[in-house]
PDB file of all heavy atoms in Angstrom:
ATOM      1  N   THR A   1      94.197  89.321 111.407  1.00  0.00           N
ATOM      2  CA  THR A   1      95.133  89.035 112.505  1.00  0.00           C
ATOM      3  C   THR A   1      95.850  90.329 112.885  1.00  0.00           C
ATOM      4  O   THR A   1      95.980  91.237 112.069  1.00  0.00           O
ATOM      5  CB  THR A   1      96.200  87.985 112.114  1.00  0.00           C
ATOM      6  OG1 THR A   1      96.964  88.493 111.005  1.00  0.00           O
ATOM      7  CG2 THR A   1      95.580  86.654 111.758  1.00  0.00           C
ATOM      8  N   ALA A   2      96.343  90.375 114.127  1.00  0.00           N
ATOM      9  CA  ALA A   2      96.997  91.601 114.616  1.00  0.00           C
ATOM     10  C   ALA A   2      98.502  91.581 114.366  1.00  0.00           C
ATOM     11  O   ALA A   2      99.201  92.495 114.794  1.00  0.00           O
ATOM     12  CB  ALA A   2      96.711  91.782 116.100  1.00  0.00           C
ATOM     13  N   ASN A   3      99.017  90.522 113.711  1.00  0.00           N
ATOM     14  CA  ASN A   3     100.470  90.475 113.451  1.00  0.00           C
ATOM     15  C   ASN A   3     100.799  90.138 111.987  1.00  0.00           C
ATOM     16  O   ASN A   3     101.568  89.221 111.708  1.00  0.00           O
ATOM     17  CB  ASN A   3     101.145  89.469 114.389  1.00  0.00           C
ATOM     18  CG  ASN A   3     100.673  88.046 114.154  1.00  0.00           C
ATOM     19  OD1 ASN A   3      99.605  87.820 113.600  1.00  0.00           O
ATOM     20  ND2 ASN A   3     101.480  87.084 114.546  1.00  0.00           N
ATOM     21  N   PRO A   4     100.202  90.855 111.028  1.00  0.00           N
ATOM     22  CA  PRO A   4     100.517  90.545 109.625  1.00  0.00           C
ATOM     23  C   PRO A   4     101.844  91.169 109.199  1.00  0.00           C
ATOM     24  O   PRO A   4     102.503  91.866 109.973  1.00  0.00           O
ATOM     25  CB  PRO A   4      99.354  91.200 108.869  1.00  0.00           C
ATOM     26  CG  PRO A   4      98.999  92.371 109.710  1.00  0.00           C
ATOM     27  CD  PRO A   4      99.257  91.974 111.136  1.00  0.00           C
ATOM     28  N   VAL A   5     102.228  90.903 107.951  1.00  0.00           N
ATOM     29  CA  VAL A   5     103.312  91.645 107.305  1.00  0.00           C
ATOM     30  C   VAL A   5     102.628  92.674 106.406  1.00  0.00           C
ATOM     31  O   VAL A   5     101.880  92.302 105.504  1.00  0.00           O
ATOM     32  CB  VAL A   5     104.215  90.710 106.464  1.00  0.00           C
ATOM     33  CG1 VAL A   5     105.241  91.521 105.677  1.00  0.00           C
ATOM     34  CG2 VAL A   5     104.916  89.695 107.354  1.00  0.00           C
ATOM     35  N   ILE A   6     102.836  93.956 106.683  1.00  0.00           N
ATOM     36  CA  ILE A   6     102.213  95.014 105.876  1.00  0.00           C
ATOM     37  C   ILE A   6     103.290  95.697 105.052  1.00  0.00           C
ATOM     38  O   ILE A   6     104.282  96.188 105.597  1.00  0.00           O
ATOM     39  CB  ILE A   6     101.465  96.033 106.759  1.00  0.00           C
ATOM     40  CG1 ILE A   6     100.257  95.356 107.412  1.00  0.00           C
ATOM     41  CG2 ILE A   6     101.011  97.229 105.938  1.00  0.00           C
ATOM     42  CD1 ILE A   6      99.417  96.263 108.277  1.00  0.00           C
ATOM     43  N   MET A   7     103.089  95.688 103.735  1.00  0.00           N
ATOM     44  CA  MET A   7     104.063  96.308 102.834  1.00  0.00           C
ATOM     45  C   MET A   7     103.564  97.680 102.400  1.00  0.00           C
ATOM     46  O   MET A   7     102.484  97.819 101.840  1.00  0.00           O
ATOM     47  CB  MET A   7     104.298  95.411 101.620  1.00  0.00           C
ATOM     48  CG  MET A   7     105.216  96.034 100.609  1.00  0.00           C
ATOM     49  SD  MET A   7     105.979  94.810  99.529  1.00  0.00           S
ATOM     50  CE  MET A   7     107.445  94.394 100.434  1.00  0.00           C
ATOM     51  N   LEU A   8     104.383  98.695 102.683  1.00  0.00           N
ATOM     52  CA  LEU A   8     104.080 100.076 102.275  1.00  0.00           C
ATOM     53  C   LEU A   8     104.920 100.368 101.034  1.00  0.00           C
ATOM     54  O   LEU A   8     106.087 100.743 101.134  1.00  0.00           O
ATOM     55  CB  LEU A   8     104.419 101.050 103.400  1.00  0.00           C
ATOM     56  CG  LEU A   8     103.850 100.708 104.792  1.00  0.00           C
ATOM     57  CD1 LEU A   8     104.446 101.610 105.844  1.00  0.00           C
ATOM     58  CD2 LEU A   8     102.342 100.831 104.793  1.00  0.00           C
ATOM     59  N   ASP A   9     104.317 100.156  99.881  1.00  0.00           N
ATOM     60  CA  ASP A   9     105.053 100.314  98.614  1.00  0.00           C
ATOM     61  C   ASP A   9     105.246 101.787  98.268  1.00  0.00           C
ATOM     62  O   ASP A   9     104.372 102.601  98.540  1.00  0.00           O
ATOM     63  CB  ASP A   9     104.259  99.628  97.487  1.00  0.00           C
ATOM     64  CG  ASP A   9     105.064  98.500  96.854  1.00  0.00           C
ATOM     65  OD1 ASP A   9     106.278  98.447  97.103  1.00  0.00           O
ATOM     66  OD2 ASP A   9     104.483  97.683  96.116  1.00  0.00           O
ATOM     67  N   GLU A  10     106.351 102.090  97.622  1.00  0.00           N
ATOM     68  CA  GLU A  10     106.642 103.444  97.089  1.00  0.00           C
ATOM     69  C   GLU A  10     106.565 104.518  98.171  1.00  0.00           C
ATOM     70  O   GLU A  10     105.902 105.543  98.016  1.00  0.00           O
ATOM     71  CB  GLU A  10     105.670 103.799  95.942  1.00  0.00           C
ATOM     72  CG  GLU A  10     105.402 102.707  94.929  1.00  0.00           C
ATOM     73  CD  GLU A  10     106.626 102.372  94.080  1.00  0.00           C
ATOM     74  OE1 GLU A  10     107.685 103.002  94.278  1.00  0.00           O
ATOM     75  OE2 GLU A  10     106.530 101.477  93.223  1.00  0.00           O
ATOM     76  N   ILE A  11     107.262 104.293  99.270  1.00  0.00           N
ATOM     77  CA  ILE A  11     107.231 105.270 100.372  1.00  0.00           C
ATOM     78  C   ILE A  11     107.963 106.563  99.995  1.00  0.00           C
ATOM     79  O   ILE A  11     107.788 107.601 100.628  1.00  0.00           O
ATOM     80  CB  ILE A  11     107.801 104.652 101.672  1.00  0.00           C
ATOM     81  CG1 ILE A  11     107.327 105.449 102.893  1.00  0.00           C
ATOM     82  CG2 ILE A  11     109.326 104.553 101.622  1.00  0.00           C
ATOM     83  CD1 ILE A  11     107.538 104.763 104.214  1.00  0.00           C
ATOM     84  N   ASP A  12     108.787 106.498  98.939  1.00  0.00           N
ATOM     85  CA  ASP A  12     109.523 107.693  98.497  1.00  0.00           C
ATOM     86  C   ASP A  12     108.667 108.586  97.590  1.00  0.00           C
ATOM     87  O   ASP A  12     109.137 109.642  97.167  1.00  0.00           O
ATOM     88  CB  ASP A  12     110.811 107.295  97.785  1.00  0.00           C
ATOM     89  CG  ASP A  12     110.545 106.379  96.587  1.00  0.00           C
ATOM     90  OD1 ASP A  12     109.567 105.618  96.642  1.00  0.00           O
ATOM     91  OD2 ASP A  12     111.318 106.418  95.607  1.00  0.00           O
ATOM     92  N   LYS A  13     107.439 108.154  97.283  1.00  0.00           N
ATOM     93  CA  LYS A  13     106.603 108.926  96.352  1.00  0.00           C
ATOM     94  C   LYS A  13     105.373 109.523  97.029  1.00  0.00           C
ATOM     95  O   LYS A  13     104.360 109.778  96.391  1.00  0.00           O
ATOM     96  CB  LYS A  13     106.183 108.038  95.174  1.00  0.00           C
ATOM     97  CG  LYS A  13     107.385 107.603  94.336  1.00  0.00           C
ATOM     98  CD  LYS A  13     107.023 106.620  93.265  1.00  0.00           C
ATOM     99  CE  LYS A  13     108.255 106.117  92.545  1.00  0.00           C
ATOM    100  NZ  LYS A  13     109.146 105.309  93.385  1.00  0.00           N
ATOM    101  N   LEU A  14     105.448 109.733  98.341  1.00  0.00           N
ATOM    102  CA  LEU A  14     104.355 110.400  99.057  1.00  0.00           C
ATOM    103  C   LEU A  14     104.279 111.863  98.633  1.00  0.00           C
ATOM    104  O   LEU A  14     105.307 112.494  98.388  1.00  0.00           O
ATOM    105  CB  LEU A  14     104.606 110.340 100.569  1.00  0.00           C
ATOM    106  CG  LEU A  14     104.281 109.011 101.267  1.00  0.00           C
ATOM    107  CD1 LEU A  14     104.904 108.994 102.639  1.00  0.00           C
ATOM    108  CD2 LEU A  14     102.791 108.791 101.371  1.00  0.00           C
ATOM    109  N   ALA A  15     103.068 112.399  98.561  1.00  0.00           N
ATOM    110  CA  ALA A  15     102.887 113.795  98.158  1.00  0.00           C
ATOM    111  C   ALA A  15     102.457 114.625  99.361  1.00  0.00           C
ATOM    112  O   ALA A  15     102.009 114.099 100.370  1.00  0.00           O
ATOM    113  CB  ALA A  15     101.838 113.873  97.054  1.00  0.00           C
ATOM    114  N   VAL A  16     102.607 115.941  99.244  1.00  0.00           N
ATOM    115  CA  VAL A  16     102.157 116.865 100.291  1.00  0.00           C
ATOM    116  C   VAL A  16     101.148 117.816  99.666  1.00  0.00           C
ATOM    117  O   VAL A  16     101.349 118.293  98.551  1.00  0.00           O
ATOM    118  CB  VAL A  16     103.349 117.666 100.867  1.00  0.00           C
ATOM    119  CG1 VAL A  16     102.867 118.633 101.935  1.00  0.00           C
ATOM    120  CG2 VAL A  16     104.399 116.729 101.454  1.00  0.00           C
ATOM    121  N   SER A  17     100.022 118.078 100.358  1.00  0.00           N
ATOM    122  CA  SER A  17      99.021 118.999  99.823  1.00  0.00           C
ATOM    123  C   SER A  17      98.387 119.762 100.977  1.00  0.00           C
ATOM    124  O   SER A  17      98.765 119.593 102.137  1.00  0.00           O
ATOM    125  CB  SER A  17      97.941 118.227  99.058  1.00  0.00           C
ATOM    126  OG  SER A  17      97.055 117.603  99.969  1.00  0.00           O
ATOM    127  N   PHE A  18      97.393 120.600 100.648  1.00  0.00           N
ATOM    128  CA  PHE A  18      96.692 121.359 101.694  1.00  0.00           C
ATOM    129  C   PHE A  18      95.940 120.437 102.649  1.00  0.00           C
ATOM    130  O   PHE A  18      95.538 120.834 103.737  1.00  0.00           O
ATOM    131  CB  PHE A  18      95.723 122.368 101.048  1.00  0.00           C
ATOM    132  CG  PHE A  18      94.574 121.718 100.333  1.00  0.00           C
ATOM    133  CD1 PHE A  18      93.376 121.488 100.978  1.00  0.00           C
ATOM    134  CD2 PHE A  18      94.706 121.300  99.008  1.00  0.00           C
ATOM    135  CE1 PHE A  18      92.318 120.870 100.336  1.00  0.00           C
ATOM    136  CE2 PHE A  18      93.654 120.684  98.354  1.00  0.00           C
ATOM    137  CZ  PHE A  18      92.455 120.463  99.015  1.00  0.00           C
ATOM    138  N   GLN A  19      95.720 119.167 102.237  1.00  0.00           N
ATOM    139  CA  GLN A  19      94.984 118.223 103.097  1.00  0.00           C
ATOM    140  C   GLN A  19      95.870 117.604 104.174  1.00  0.00           C
ATOM    141  O   GLN A  19      95.403 116.841 104.989  1.00  0.00           O
ATOM    142  CB  GLN A  19      94.383 117.108 102.229  1.00  0.00           C
ATOM    143  CG  GLN A  19      93.229 117.601 101.381  1.00  0.00           C
ATOM    144  CD  GLN A  19      92.908 116.647 100.243  1.00  0.00           C
ATOM    145  OE1 GLN A  19      93.785 116.226  99.501  1.00  0.00           O
ATOM    146  NE2 GLN A  19      91.657 116.315 100.091  1.00  0.00           N
ATOM    147  N   GLY A  20      97.161 117.900 104.128  1.00  0.00           N
ATOM    148  CA  GLY A  20      98.051 117.376 105.164  1.00  0.00           C
ATOM    149  C   GLY A  20      99.236 116.654 104.569  1.00  0.00           C
ATOM    150  O   GLY A  20      99.379 116.528 103.359  1.00  0.00           O
ATOM    151  N   ASP A  21     100.093 116.186 105.447  1.00  0.00           N
ATOM    152  CA  ASP A  21     101.325 115.509 105.047  1.00  0.00           C
ATOM    153  C   ASP A  21     101.267 114.060 105.519  1.00  0.00           C
ATOM    154  O   ASP A  21     101.444 113.785 106.715  1.00  0.00           O
ATOM    155  CB  ASP A  21     102.513 116.249 105.671  1.00  0.00           C
ATOM    156  CG  ASP A  21     103.835 115.633 105.273  1.00  0.00           C
ATOM    157  OD1 ASP A  21     103.817 114.680 104.478  1.00  0.00           O
ATOM    158  OD2 ASP A  21     104.877 116.108 105.744  1.00  0.00           O
ATOM    159  N   PRO A  22     101.016 113.085 104.614  1.00  0.00           N
ATOM    160  CA  PRO A  22     100.927 111.686 105.051  1.00  0.00           C
ATOM    161  C   PRO A  22     102.233 111.155 105.618  1.00  0.00           C
ATOM    162  O   PRO A  22     102.233 110.261 106.457  1.00  0.00           O
ATOM    163  CB  PRO A  22     100.533 110.921 103.783  1.00  0.00           C
ATOM    164  CG  PRO A  22     100.513 111.886 102.679  1.00  0.00           C
ATOM    165  CD  PRO A  22     100.742 113.255 103.194  1.00  0.00           C
ATOM    166  N   ALA A  23     103.380 111.721 105.159  1.00  0.00           N
ATOM    167  CA  ALA A  23     104.678 111.268 105.687  1.00  0.00           C
ATOM    168  C   ALA A  23     104.763 111.553 107.180  1.00  0.00           C
ATOM    169  O   ALA A  23     105.291 110.745 107.960  1.00  0.00           O
ATOM    170  CB  ALA A  23     105.815 111.962 104.941  1.00  0.00           C
ATOM    171  N   ALA A  24     104.219 112.703 107.596  1.00  0.00           N
ATOM    172  CA  ALA A  24     104.211 113.039 109.027  1.00  0.00           C
ATOM    173  C   ALA A  24     103.271 112.109 109.798  1.00  0.00           C
ATOM    174  O   ALA A  24     103.547 111.733 110.940  1.00  0.00           O
ATOM    175  CB  ALA A  24     103.782 114.497 109.209  1.00  0.00           C
ATOM    176  N   ALA A  25     102.150 111.730 109.161  1.00  0.00           N
ATOM    177  CA  ALA A  25     101.201 110.810 109.817  1.00  0.00           C
ATOM    178  C   ALA A  25     101.818 109.423 109.998  1.00  0.00           C
ATOM    179  O   ALA A  25     101.472 108.695 110.929  1.00  0.00           O
ATOM    180  CB  ALA A  25      99.920 110.713 108.994  1.00  0.00           C
ATOM    181  N   LEU A  26     102.741 109.056 109.087  1.00  0.00           N
ATOM    182  CA  LEU A  26     103.385 107.733 109.177  1.00  0.00           C
ATOM    183  C   LEU A  26     104.398 107.655 110.314  1.00  0.00           C
ATOM    184  O   LEU A  26     104.833 106.566 110.687  1.00  0.00           O
ATOM    185  CB  LEU A  26     104.105 107.408 107.861  1.00  0.00           C
ATOM    186  CG  LEU A  26     103.245 106.813 106.741  1.00  0.00           C
ATOM    187  CD1 LEU A  26     104.044 106.748 105.454  1.00  0.00           C
ATOM    188  CD2 LEU A  26     102.743 105.419 107.109  1.00  0.00           C
ATOM    189  N   LEU A  27     104.817 108.804 110.846  1.00  0.00           N
ATOM    190  CA  LEU A  27     105.835 108.798 111.908  1.00  0.00           C
ATOM    191  C   LEU A  27     105.380 107.985 113.115  1.00  0.00           C
ATOM    192  O   LEU A  27     106.162 107.263 113.718  1.00  0.00           O
ATOM    193  CB  LEU A  27     106.171 110.233 112.345  1.00  0.00           C
ATOM    194  CG  LEU A  27     106.875 111.110 111.299  1.00  0.00           C
ATOM    195  CD1 LEU A  27     107.055 112.516 111.818  1.00  0.00           C
ATOM    196  CD2 LEU A  27     108.219 110.513 110.911  1.00  0.00           C
ATOM    197  N   GLU A  28     104.081 108.107 113.460  1.00  0.00           N
ATOM    198  CA  GLU A  28     103.562 107.344 114.605  1.00  0.00           C
ATOM    199  C   GLU A  28     103.460 105.862 114.273  1.00  0.00           C
ATOM    200  O   GLU A  28     103.765 104.998 115.090  1.00  0.00           O
ATOM    201  CB  GLU A  28     102.188 107.880 115.012  1.00  0.00           C
ATOM    202  CG  GLU A  28     101.628 107.176 116.239  1.00  0.00           C
ATOM    203  CD  GLU A  28     100.198 107.589 116.573  1.00  0.00           C
ATOM    204  OE1 GLU A  28      99.630 108.426 115.853  1.00  0.00           O
ATOM    205  OE2 GLU A  28      99.658 107.045 117.542  1.00  0.00           O
ATOM    206  N   VAL A  29     103.037 105.575 113.024  1.00  0.00           N
ATOM    207  CA  VAL A  29     102.843 104.173 112.611  1.00  0.00           C
ATOM    208  C   VAL A  29     104.174 103.421 112.609  1.00  0.00           C
ATOM    209  O   VAL A  29     104.264 102.276 113.070  1.00  0.00           O
ATOM    210  CB  VAL A  29     102.205 104.124 111.197  1.00  0.00           C
ATOM    211  CG1 VAL A  29     102.093 102.694 110.700  1.00  0.00           C
ATOM    212  CG2 VAL A  29     100.839 104.784 111.212  1.00  0.00           C
ATOM    213  N   LEU A  30     105.226 104.067 112.097  1.00  0.00           N
ATOM    214  CA  LEU A  30     106.514 103.391 111.911  1.00  0.00           C
ATOM    215  C   LEU A  30     107.496 103.677 113.044  1.00  0.00           C
ATOM    216  O   LEU A  30     108.693 103.838 112.815  1.00  0.00           O
ATOM    217  CB  LEU A  30     107.127 103.815 110.569  1.00  0.00           C
ATOM    218  CG  LEU A  30     106.288 103.507 109.326  1.00  0.00           C
ATOM    219  CD1 LEU A  30     107.004 103.934 108.070  1.00  0.00           C
ATOM    220  CD2 LEU A  30     105.942 102.029 109.241  1.00  0.00           C
ATOM    221  N   ASP A  31     106.996 103.747 114.239  1.00  0.00           N
ATOM    222  CA  ASP A  31     107.873 103.929 115.399  1.00  0.00           C
ATOM    223  C   ASP A  31     107.507 102.893 116.461  1.00  0.00           C
ATOM    224  O   ASP A  31     106.431 102.971 117.057  1.00  0.00           O
ATOM    225  CB  ASP A  31     107.714 105.347 115.958  1.00  0.00           C
ATOM    226  CG  ASP A  31     108.765 105.648 117.026  1.00  0.00           C
ATOM    227  OD1 ASP A  31     109.317 104.688 117.593  1.00  0.00           O
ATOM    228  OD2 ASP A  31     109.047 106.838 117.271  1.00  0.00           O
ATOM    229  N   PRO A  32     108.374 101.899 116.714  1.00  0.00           N
ATOM    230  CA  PRO A  32     108.031 100.835 117.677  1.00  0.00           C
ATOM    231  C   PRO A  32     107.703 101.361 119.076  1.00  0.00           C
ATOM    232  O   PRO A  32     107.007 100.704 119.830  1.00  0.00           O
ATOM    233  CB  PRO A  32     109.304  99.970 117.705  1.00  0.00           C
ATOM    234  CG  PRO A  32     110.009 100.278 116.432  1.00  0.00           C
ATOM    235  CD  PRO A  32     109.689 101.701 116.105  1.00  0.00           C
ATOM    236  N   GLU A  33     108.218 102.560 119.408  1.00  0.00           N
ATOM    237  CA  GLU A  33     107.925 103.125 120.728  1.00  0.00           C
ATOM    238  C   GLU A  33     106.520 103.736 120.782  1.00  0.00           C
ATOM    239  O   GLU A  33     105.905 103.784 121.835  1.00  0.00           O
ATOM    240  CB  GLU A  33     108.963 104.213 121.069  1.00  0.00           C
ATOM    241  CG  GLU A  33     110.391 103.707 121.180  1.00  0.00           C
ATOM    242  CD  GLU A  33     110.553 102.648 122.264  1.00  0.00           C
ATOM    243  OE1 GLU A  33     109.960 102.809 123.344  1.00  0.00           O
ATOM    244  OE2 GLU A  33     111.258 101.648 122.014  1.00  0.00           O
ATOM    245  N   GLN A  34     106.028 104.225 119.633  1.00  0.00           N
ATOM    246  CA  GLN A  34     104.736 104.922 119.617  1.00  0.00           C
ATOM    247  C   GLN A  34     103.576 104.058 119.141  1.00  0.00           C
ATOM    248  O   GLN A  34     102.443 104.246 119.585  1.00  0.00           O
ATOM    249  CB  GLN A  34     104.813 106.149 118.691  1.00  0.00           C
ATOM    250  CG  GLN A  34     105.735 107.239 119.187  1.00  0.00           C
ATOM    251  CD  GLN A  34     105.757 108.424 118.229  1.00  0.00           C
ATOM    252  OE1 GLN A  34     104.739 108.812 117.683  1.00  0.00           O
ATOM    253  NE2 GLN A  34     106.927 108.998 118.020  1.00  0.00           N
ATOM    254  N   ASN A  35     103.845 103.122 118.212  1.00  0.00           N
ATOM    255  CA  ASN A  35     102.714 102.418 117.595  1.00  0.00           C
ATOM    256  C   ASN A  35     102.053 101.368 118.489  1.00  0.00           C
ATOM    257  O   ASN A  35     101.117 100.706 118.079  1.00  0.00           O
ATOM    258  CB  ASN A  35     103.089 101.837 116.229  1.00  0.00           C
ATOM    259  CG  ASN A  35     104.117 100.728 116.298  1.00  0.00           C
ATOM    260  OD1 ASN A  35     104.420 100.203 117.368  1.00  0.00           O
ATOM    261  ND2 ASN A  35     104.669 100.372 115.147  1.00  0.00           N
ATOM    262  N   VAL A  36     102.548 101.227 119.726  1.00  0.00           N
ATOM    263  CA  VAL A  36     101.857 100.356 120.697  1.00  0.00           C
ATOM    264  C   VAL A  36     100.468 100.936 120.979  1.00  0.00           C
ATOM    265  O   VAL A  36      99.514 100.209 121.213  1.00  0.00           O
ATOM    266  CB  VAL A  36     102.686 100.253 122.006  1.00  0.00           C
ATOM    267  CG1 VAL A  36     101.973  99.393 123.036  1.00  0.00           C
ATOM    268  CG2 VAL A  36     104.066  99.700 121.719  1.00  0.00           C
ATOM    269  N   ASP A  37     100.385 102.263 120.967  1.00  0.00           N
ATOM    270  CA  ASP A  37      99.110 102.951 121.247  1.00  0.00           C
ATOM    271  C   ASP A  37      98.685 103.778 120.043  1.00  0.00           C
ATOM    272  O   ASP A  37      98.390 104.968 120.175  1.00  0.00           O
ATOM    273  CB  ASP A  37      99.263 103.879 122.465  1.00  0.00           C
ATOM    274  CG  ASP A  37      99.509 103.099 123.741  1.00  0.00           C
ATOM    275  OD1 ASP A  37      98.917 102.018 123.886  1.00  0.00           O
ATOM    276  OD2 ASP A  37     100.301 103.554 124.578  1.00  0.00           O
ATOM    277  N   PHE A  38      98.630 103.162 118.867  1.00  0.00           N
ATOM    278  CA  PHE A  38      98.240 103.904 117.664  1.00  0.00           C
ATOM    279  C   PHE A  38      96.780 104.328 117.764  1.00  0.00           C
ATOM    280  O   PHE A  38      95.905 103.524 118.076  1.00  0.00           O
ATOM    281  CB  PHE A  38      98.443 103.029 116.416  1.00  0.00           C
ATOM    282  CG  PHE A  38      97.932 103.648 115.150  1.00  0.00           C
ATOM    283  CD1 PHE A  38      98.558 104.750 114.595  1.00  0.00           C
ATOM    284  CD2 PHE A  38      96.805 103.140 114.507  1.00  0.00           C
ATOM    285  CE1 PHE A  38      98.079 105.334 113.432  1.00  0.00           C
ATOM    286  CE2 PHE A  38      96.329 103.707 113.335  1.00  0.00           C
ATOM    287  CZ  PHE A  38      96.974 104.811 112.812  1.00  0.00           C
ATOM    288  N   LEU A  39      96.538 105.623 117.521  1.00  0.00           N
ATOM    289  CA  LEU A  39      95.179 106.151 117.644  1.00  0.00           C
ATOM    290  C   LEU A  39      94.667 106.587 116.277  1.00  0.00           C
ATOM    291  O   LEU A  39      95.169 107.538 115.688  1.00  0.00           O
ATOM    292  CB  LEU A  39      95.165 107.347 118.611  1.00  0.00           C
ATOM    293  CG  LEU A  39      93.786 107.874 118.999  1.00  0.00           C
ATOM    294  CD1 LEU A  39      93.011 106.849 119.814  1.00  0.00           C
ATOM    295  CD2 LEU A  39      93.907 109.165 119.785  1.00  0.00           C
ATOM    296  N   ASP A  40      93.685 105.846 115.762  1.00  0.00           N
ATOM    297  CA  ASP A  40      93.045 106.196 114.499  1.00  0.00           C
ATOM    298  C   ASP A  40      91.915 107.179 114.800  1.00  0.00           C
ATOM    299  O   ASP A  40      91.160 106.994 115.751  1.00  0.00           O
ATOM    300  CB  ASP A  40      92.496 104.921 113.839  1.00  0.00           C
ATOM    301  CG  ASP A  40      91.902 105.182 112.466  1.00  0.00           C
ATOM    302  OD1 ASP A  40      90.715 105.565 112.405  1.00  0.00           O
ATOM    303  OD2 ASP A  40      92.612 105.005 111.476  1.00  0.00           O
ATOM    304  N   HIS A  41      91.789 108.240 113.978  1.00  0.00           N
ATOM    305  CA  HIS A  41      90.785 109.270 114.236  1.00  0.00           C
ATOM    306  C   HIS A  41      89.364 108.719 114.219  1.00  0.00           C
ATOM    307  O   HIS A  41      88.500 109.168 114.967  1.00  0.00           O
ATOM    308  CB  HIS A  41      90.889 110.394 113.190  1.00  0.00           C
ATOM    309  CG  HIS A  41      92.126 111.221 113.363  1.00  0.00           C
ATOM    310  ND1 HIS A  41      92.722 111.889 112.312  1.00  0.00           N
ATOM    311  CD2 HIS A  41      92.888 111.475 114.447  1.00  0.00           C
ATOM    312  CE1 HIS A  41      93.791 112.531 112.765  1.00  0.00           C
ATOM    313  NE2 HIS A  41      93.919 112.282 114.040  1.00  0.00           N
ATOM    314  N   TYR A  42      89.104 107.741 113.353  1.00  0.00           N
ATOM    315  CA  TYR A  42      87.750 107.178 113.244  1.00  0.00           C
ATOM    316  C   TYR A  42      87.435 106.293 114.451  1.00  0.00           C
ATOM    317  O   TYR A  42      86.397 106.443 115.091  1.00  0.00           O
ATOM    318  CB  TYR A  42      87.604 106.388 111.951  1.00  0.00           C
ATOM    319  CG  TYR A  42      86.225 105.769 111.765  1.00  0.00           C
ATOM    320  CD1 TYR A  42      85.187 106.499 111.218  1.00  0.00           C
ATOM    321  CD2 TYR A  42      85.968 104.457 112.153  1.00  0.00           C
ATOM    322  CE1 TYR A  42      83.924 105.964 111.070  1.00  0.00           C
ATOM    323  CE2 TYR A  42      84.713 103.898 112.003  1.00  0.00           C
ATOM    324  CZ  TYR A  42      83.692 104.650 111.461  1.00  0.00           C
ATOM    325  OH  TYR A  42      82.443 104.096 111.313  1.00  0.00           O
ATOM    326  N   LEU A  43      88.348 105.375 114.754  1.00  0.00           N
ATOM    327  CA  LEU A  43      88.102 104.455 115.879  1.00  0.00           C
ATOM    328  C   LEU A  43      88.082 105.194 117.205  1.00  0.00           C
ATOM    329  O   LEU A  43      87.277 104.904 118.082  1.00  0.00           O
ATOM    330  CB  LEU A  43      89.191 103.376 115.935  1.00  0.00           C
ATOM    331  CG  LEU A  43      89.195 102.288 114.867  1.00  0.00           C
ATOM    332  CD1 LEU A  43      90.233 101.242 115.211  1.00  0.00           C
ATOM    333  CD2 LEU A  43      87.842 101.629 114.714  1.00  0.00           C
ATOM    334  N   ASP A  44      89.036 106.134 117.354  1.00  0.00           N
ATOM    335  CA  ASP A  44      89.182 106.886 118.604  1.00  0.00           C
ATOM    336  C   ASP A  44      89.452 105.950 119.786  1.00  0.00           C
ATOM    337  O   ASP A  44      89.110 106.262 120.927  1.00  0.00           O
ATOM    338  CB  ASP A  44      87.937 107.753 118.847  1.00  0.00           C
ATOM    339  CG  ASP A  44      88.297 109.029 119.592  1.00  0.00           C
ATOM    340  OD1 ASP A  44      89.480 109.391 119.563  1.00  0.00           O
ATOM    341  OD2 ASP A  44      87.406 109.636 120.220  1.00  0.00           O
ATOM    342  N   VAL A  45      89.996 104.787 119.487  1.00  0.00           N
ATOM    343  CA  VAL A  45      90.394 103.809 120.504  1.00  0.00           C
ATOM    344  C   VAL A  45      91.791 103.339 120.129  1.00  0.00           C
ATOM    345  O   VAL A  45      92.080 103.099 118.960  1.00  0.00           O
ATOM    346  CB  VAL A  45      89.422 102.601 120.532  1.00  0.00           C
ATOM    347  CG1 VAL A  45      89.904 101.539 121.499  1.00  0.00           C
ATOM    348  CG2 VAL A  45      88.021 103.041 120.895  1.00  0.00           C
TER     349      VAL A  45
END
């Protein structure tokens, strides 16, 4: 379904490495103004 409850556990324990910063990637997901048009790199839709 497109309206579930998604729990992001342990958000204070995100790590940063040479592969990127997941906390920065979450900025789009957790913003009601931006996540209307969330763009996943794989889907590209």
